[in-house]
């Protein structure tokens, strides 16, 4: 029993390490998107200077539906994956969450 508890503690610690690593990967990726967007070069006070809002959507439009679906299915956590469900709309990609706003 003592050994099992020790093994459970090790498993829990490894899960926590993996979750921290995944969160750090997400932070690194969103920072990468921010850097490549050029938003930091916009004049202070001009939207979207210094905001992260919409970076994933801009990136999705650049990459295209297939790549984003692959990334969301294989990389993102479930709640992010559910929010990124895409559908084609003749001329552009429409995000599911955008439909709720209209």
C-alpha atoms as a PDB file:
ATOM      1  CA  UNK A   1       0.000   0.000   0.000  1.00  0.00           C
ATOM      2  CA  UNK A   2       2.780   2.389   0.881  1.00  0.00           C
ATOM      3  CA  UNK A   3       4.505   1.641  -2.418  1.00  0.00           C
ATOM      4  CA  UNK A   4       1.266   2.220  -4.351  1.00  0.00           C
ATOM      5  CA  UNK A   5       0.808   5.581  -2.679  1.00  0.00           C
ATOM      6  CA  UNK A   6       4.378   6.483  -3.593  1.00  0.00           C
ATOM      7  CA  UNK A   7       3.757   5.472  -7.218  1.00  0.00           C
ATOM      8  CA  UNK A   8       0.533   7.501  -7.286  1.00  0.00           C
ATOM      9  CA  UNK A   9       2.463  10.508  -5.972  1.00  0.00           C
ATOM     10  CA  UNK A  10       5.055  10.082  -8.738  1.00  0.00           C
ATOM     11  CA  UNK A  11       2.302   9.791 -11.375  1.00  0.00           C
ATOM     12  CA  UNK A  12       0.602  12.899 -10.003  1.00  0.00           C
ATOM     13  CA  UNK A  13       3.881  14.816 -10.056  1.00  0.00           C
ATOM     14  CA  UNK A  14       4.574  13.736 -13.650  1.00  0.00           C
ATOM     15  CA  UNK A  15       1.060  14.778 -14.716  1.00  0.00           C
ATOM     16  CA  UNK A  16       1.575  18.162 -13.083  1.00  0.00           C
ATOM     17  CA  UNK A  17       4.931  18.589 -14.850  1.00  0.00           C
ATOM     18  CA  UNK A  18       3.325  17.695 -18.185  1.00  0.00           C
ATOM     19  CA  UNK A  19       0.478  20.181 -17.614  1.00  0.00           C
ATOM     20  CA  UNK A  20       2.921  22.947 -16.689  1.00  0.00           C
ATOM     21  CA  UNK A  21       4.970  22.169 -19.807  1.00  0.00           C
ATOM     22  CA  UNK A  22       1.824  22.264 -21.977  1.00  0.00           C
ATOM     23  CA  UNK A  23       0.766  25.599 -20.476  1.00  0.00           C
ATOM     24  CA  UNK A  24       4.250  27.001 -21.065  1.00  0.00           C
ATOM     25  CA  UNK A  25       4.051  25.797 -24.683  1.00  0.00           C
ATOM     26  CA  UNK A  26       0.724  27.620 -25.093  1.00  0.00           C
ATOM     27  CA  UNK A  27       2.217  30.811 -23.622  1.00  0.00           C
ATOM     28  CA  UNK A  28       5.263  30.554 -25.868  1.00  0.00           C
ATOM     29  CA  UNK A  29       3.054  30.018 -28.911  1.00  0.00           C
ATOM     30  CA  UNK A  30       0.743  32.974 -28.211  1.00  0.00           C
ATOM     31  CA  UNK A  31       3.818  35.158 -27.623  1.00  0.00           C
ATOM     32  CA  UNK A  32       5.200  33.947 -30.961  1.00  0.00           C
ATOM     33  CA  UNK A  33       1.912  34.894 -32.649  1.00  0.00           C
ATOM     34  CA  UNK A  34       2.033  38.321 -31.013  1.00  0.00           C
ATOM     35  CA  UNK A  35       5.623  38.917 -32.119  1.00  0.00           C
ATOM     36  CA  UNK A  36       4.951  37.890 -35.712  1.00  0.00           C
ATOM     37  CA  UNK A  37       1.758  39.993 -35.892  1.00  0.00           C
ATOM     38  CA  UNK A  38       3.706  43.230 -35.627  1.00  0.00           C
ATOM     39  CA  UNK A  39       1.265  44.628 -33.074  1.00  0.00           C
ATOM     40  CA  UNK A  40       4.111  45.747 -30.860  1.00  0.00           C
ATOM     41  CA  UNK A  41       5.175  48.150 -33.646  1.00  0.00           C
ATOM     42  CA  UNK A  42       1.828  49.958 -33.753  1.00  0.00           C
ATOM     43  CA  UNK A  43       1.634  53.363 -32.083  1.00  0.00           C
ATOM     44  CA  UNK A  44       0.547  53.227 -28.458  1.00  0.00           C
ATOM     45  CA  UNK A  45      -3.214  53.550 -28.198  1.00  0.00           C
ATOM     46  CA  UNK A  46      -3.869  52.272 -31.719  1.00  0.00           C
ATOM     47  CA  UNK A  47      -5.867  49.053 -31.644  1.00  0.00           C
ATOM     48  CA  UNK A  48      -4.680  46.243 -31.566  1.00  0.00           C
ATOM     49  CA  UNK A  49      -1.438  47.515 -29.985  1.00  0.00           C
ATOM     50  CA  UNK A  50      -0.424  45.397 -26.983  1.00  0.00           C
ATOM     51  CA  UNK A  51      -3.404  43.008 -27.110  1.00  0.00           C
ATOM     52  CA  UNK A  52      -3.513  39.298 -27.735  1.00  0.00           C
ATOM     53  CA  UNK A  53      -7.188  39.271 -28.735  1.00  0.00           C
ATOM     54  CA  UNK A  54      -7.773  37.818 -32.176  1.00  0.00           C
ATOM     55  CA  UNK A  55      -4.259  36.467 -32.735  1.00  0.00           C
ATOM     56  CA  UNK A  56      -5.435  32.871 -33.130  1.00  0.00           C
ATOM     57  CA  UNK A  57      -8.133  33.930 -35.596  1.00  0.00           C
ATOM     58  CA  UNK A  58      -5.655  35.945 -37.683  1.00  0.00           C
ATOM     59  CA  UNK A  59      -3.283  33.002 -37.686  1.00  0.00           C
ATOM     60  CA  UNK A  60      -6.091  30.636 -38.679  1.00  0.00           C
ATOM     61  CA  UNK A  61      -6.997  32.789 -41.656  1.00  0.00           C
ATOM     62  CA  UNK A  62      -3.365  32.760 -42.751  1.00  0.00           C
ATOM     63  CA  UNK A  63      -2.932  29.033 -42.410  1.00  0.00           C
ATOM     64  CA  UNK A  64      -6.222  27.786 -43.656  1.00  0.00           C
ATOM     65  CA  UNK A  65      -8.869  25.474 -42.334  1.00  0.00           C
ATOM     66  CA  UNK A  66      -7.099  22.119 -42.705  1.00  0.00           C
ATOM     67  CA  UNK A  67      -3.976  23.111 -40.829  1.00  0.00           C
ATOM     68  CA  UNK A  68      -5.949  24.778 -38.037  1.00  0.00           C
ATOM     69  CA  UNK A  69      -8.193  21.746 -37.643  1.00  0.00           C
ATOM     70  CA  UNK A  70      -5.115  19.528 -37.436  1.00  0.00           C
ATOM     71  CA  UNK A  71      -3.503  21.821 -34.857  1.00  0.00           C
ATOM     72  CA  UNK A  72      -6.646  22.102 -32.760  1.00  0.00           C
ATOM     73  CA  UNK A  73      -7.245  18.347 -32.847  1.00  0.00           C
ATOM     74  CA  UNK A  74      -3.677  17.428 -31.972  1.00  0.00           C
ATOM     75  CA  UNK A  75      -2.302  20.319 -29.941  1.00  0.00           C
ATOM     76  CA  UNK A  76      -4.925  22.334 -28.064  1.00  0.00           C
ATOM     77  CA  UNK A  77      -6.713  21.409 -24.860  1.00  0.00           C
ATOM     78  CA  UNK A  78     -10.348  20.378 -25.261  1.00  0.00           C
ATOM     79  CA  UNK A  79     -12.037  23.703 -24.410  1.00  0.00           C
ATOM     80  CA  UNK A  80      -9.833  25.564 -26.909  1.00  0.00           C
ATOM     81  CA  UNK A  81     -10.413  22.847 -29.494  1.00  0.00           C
ATOM     82  CA  UNK A  82     -14.189  23.185 -29.086  1.00  0.00           C
ATOM     83  CA  UNK A  83     -13.977  26.962 -29.556  1.00  0.00           C
ATOM     84  CA  UNK A  84     -11.984  26.642 -32.780  1.00  0.00           C
ATOM     85  CA  UNK A  85     -14.443  24.508 -34.741  1.00  0.00           C
ATOM     86  CA  UNK A  86     -14.458  25.928 -38.209  1.00  0.00           C
ATOM     87  CA  UNK A  87     -16.729  25.864 -41.179  1.00  0.00           C
ATOM     88  CA  UNK A  88     -16.328  27.072 -44.699  1.00  0.00           C
ATOM     89  CA  UNK A  89     -18.279  30.107 -45.812  1.00  0.00           C
ATOM     90  CA  UNK A  90     -17.823  30.504 -49.584  1.00  0.00           C
ATOM     91  CA  UNK A  91     -15.192  33.267 -49.369  1.00  0.00           C
ATOM     92  CA  UNK A  92     -13.824  33.092 -45.833  1.00  0.00           C
ATOM     93  CA  UNK A  93     -13.490  30.982 -42.750  1.00  0.00           C
ATOM     94  CA  UNK A  94     -16.105  31.692 -40.098  1.00  0.00           C
ATOM     95  CA  UNK A  95     -15.430  30.734 -36.516  1.00  0.00           C
ATOM     96  CA  UNK A  96     -18.254  29.107 -34.608  1.00  0.00           C
ATOM     97  CA  UNK A  97     -17.913  31.657 -31.786  1.00  0.00           C
ATOM     98  CA  UNK A  98     -18.409  34.503 -34.310  1.00  0.00           C
ATOM     99  CA  UNK A  99     -21.874  33.185 -35.188  1.00  0.00           C
ATOM    100  CA  UNK A 100     -23.050  33.709 -31.610  1.00  0.00           C
ATOM    101  CA  UNK A 101     -22.089  37.393 -31.803  1.00  0.00           C
ATOM    102  CA  UNK A 102     -24.085  38.044 -34.999  1.00  0.00           C
END
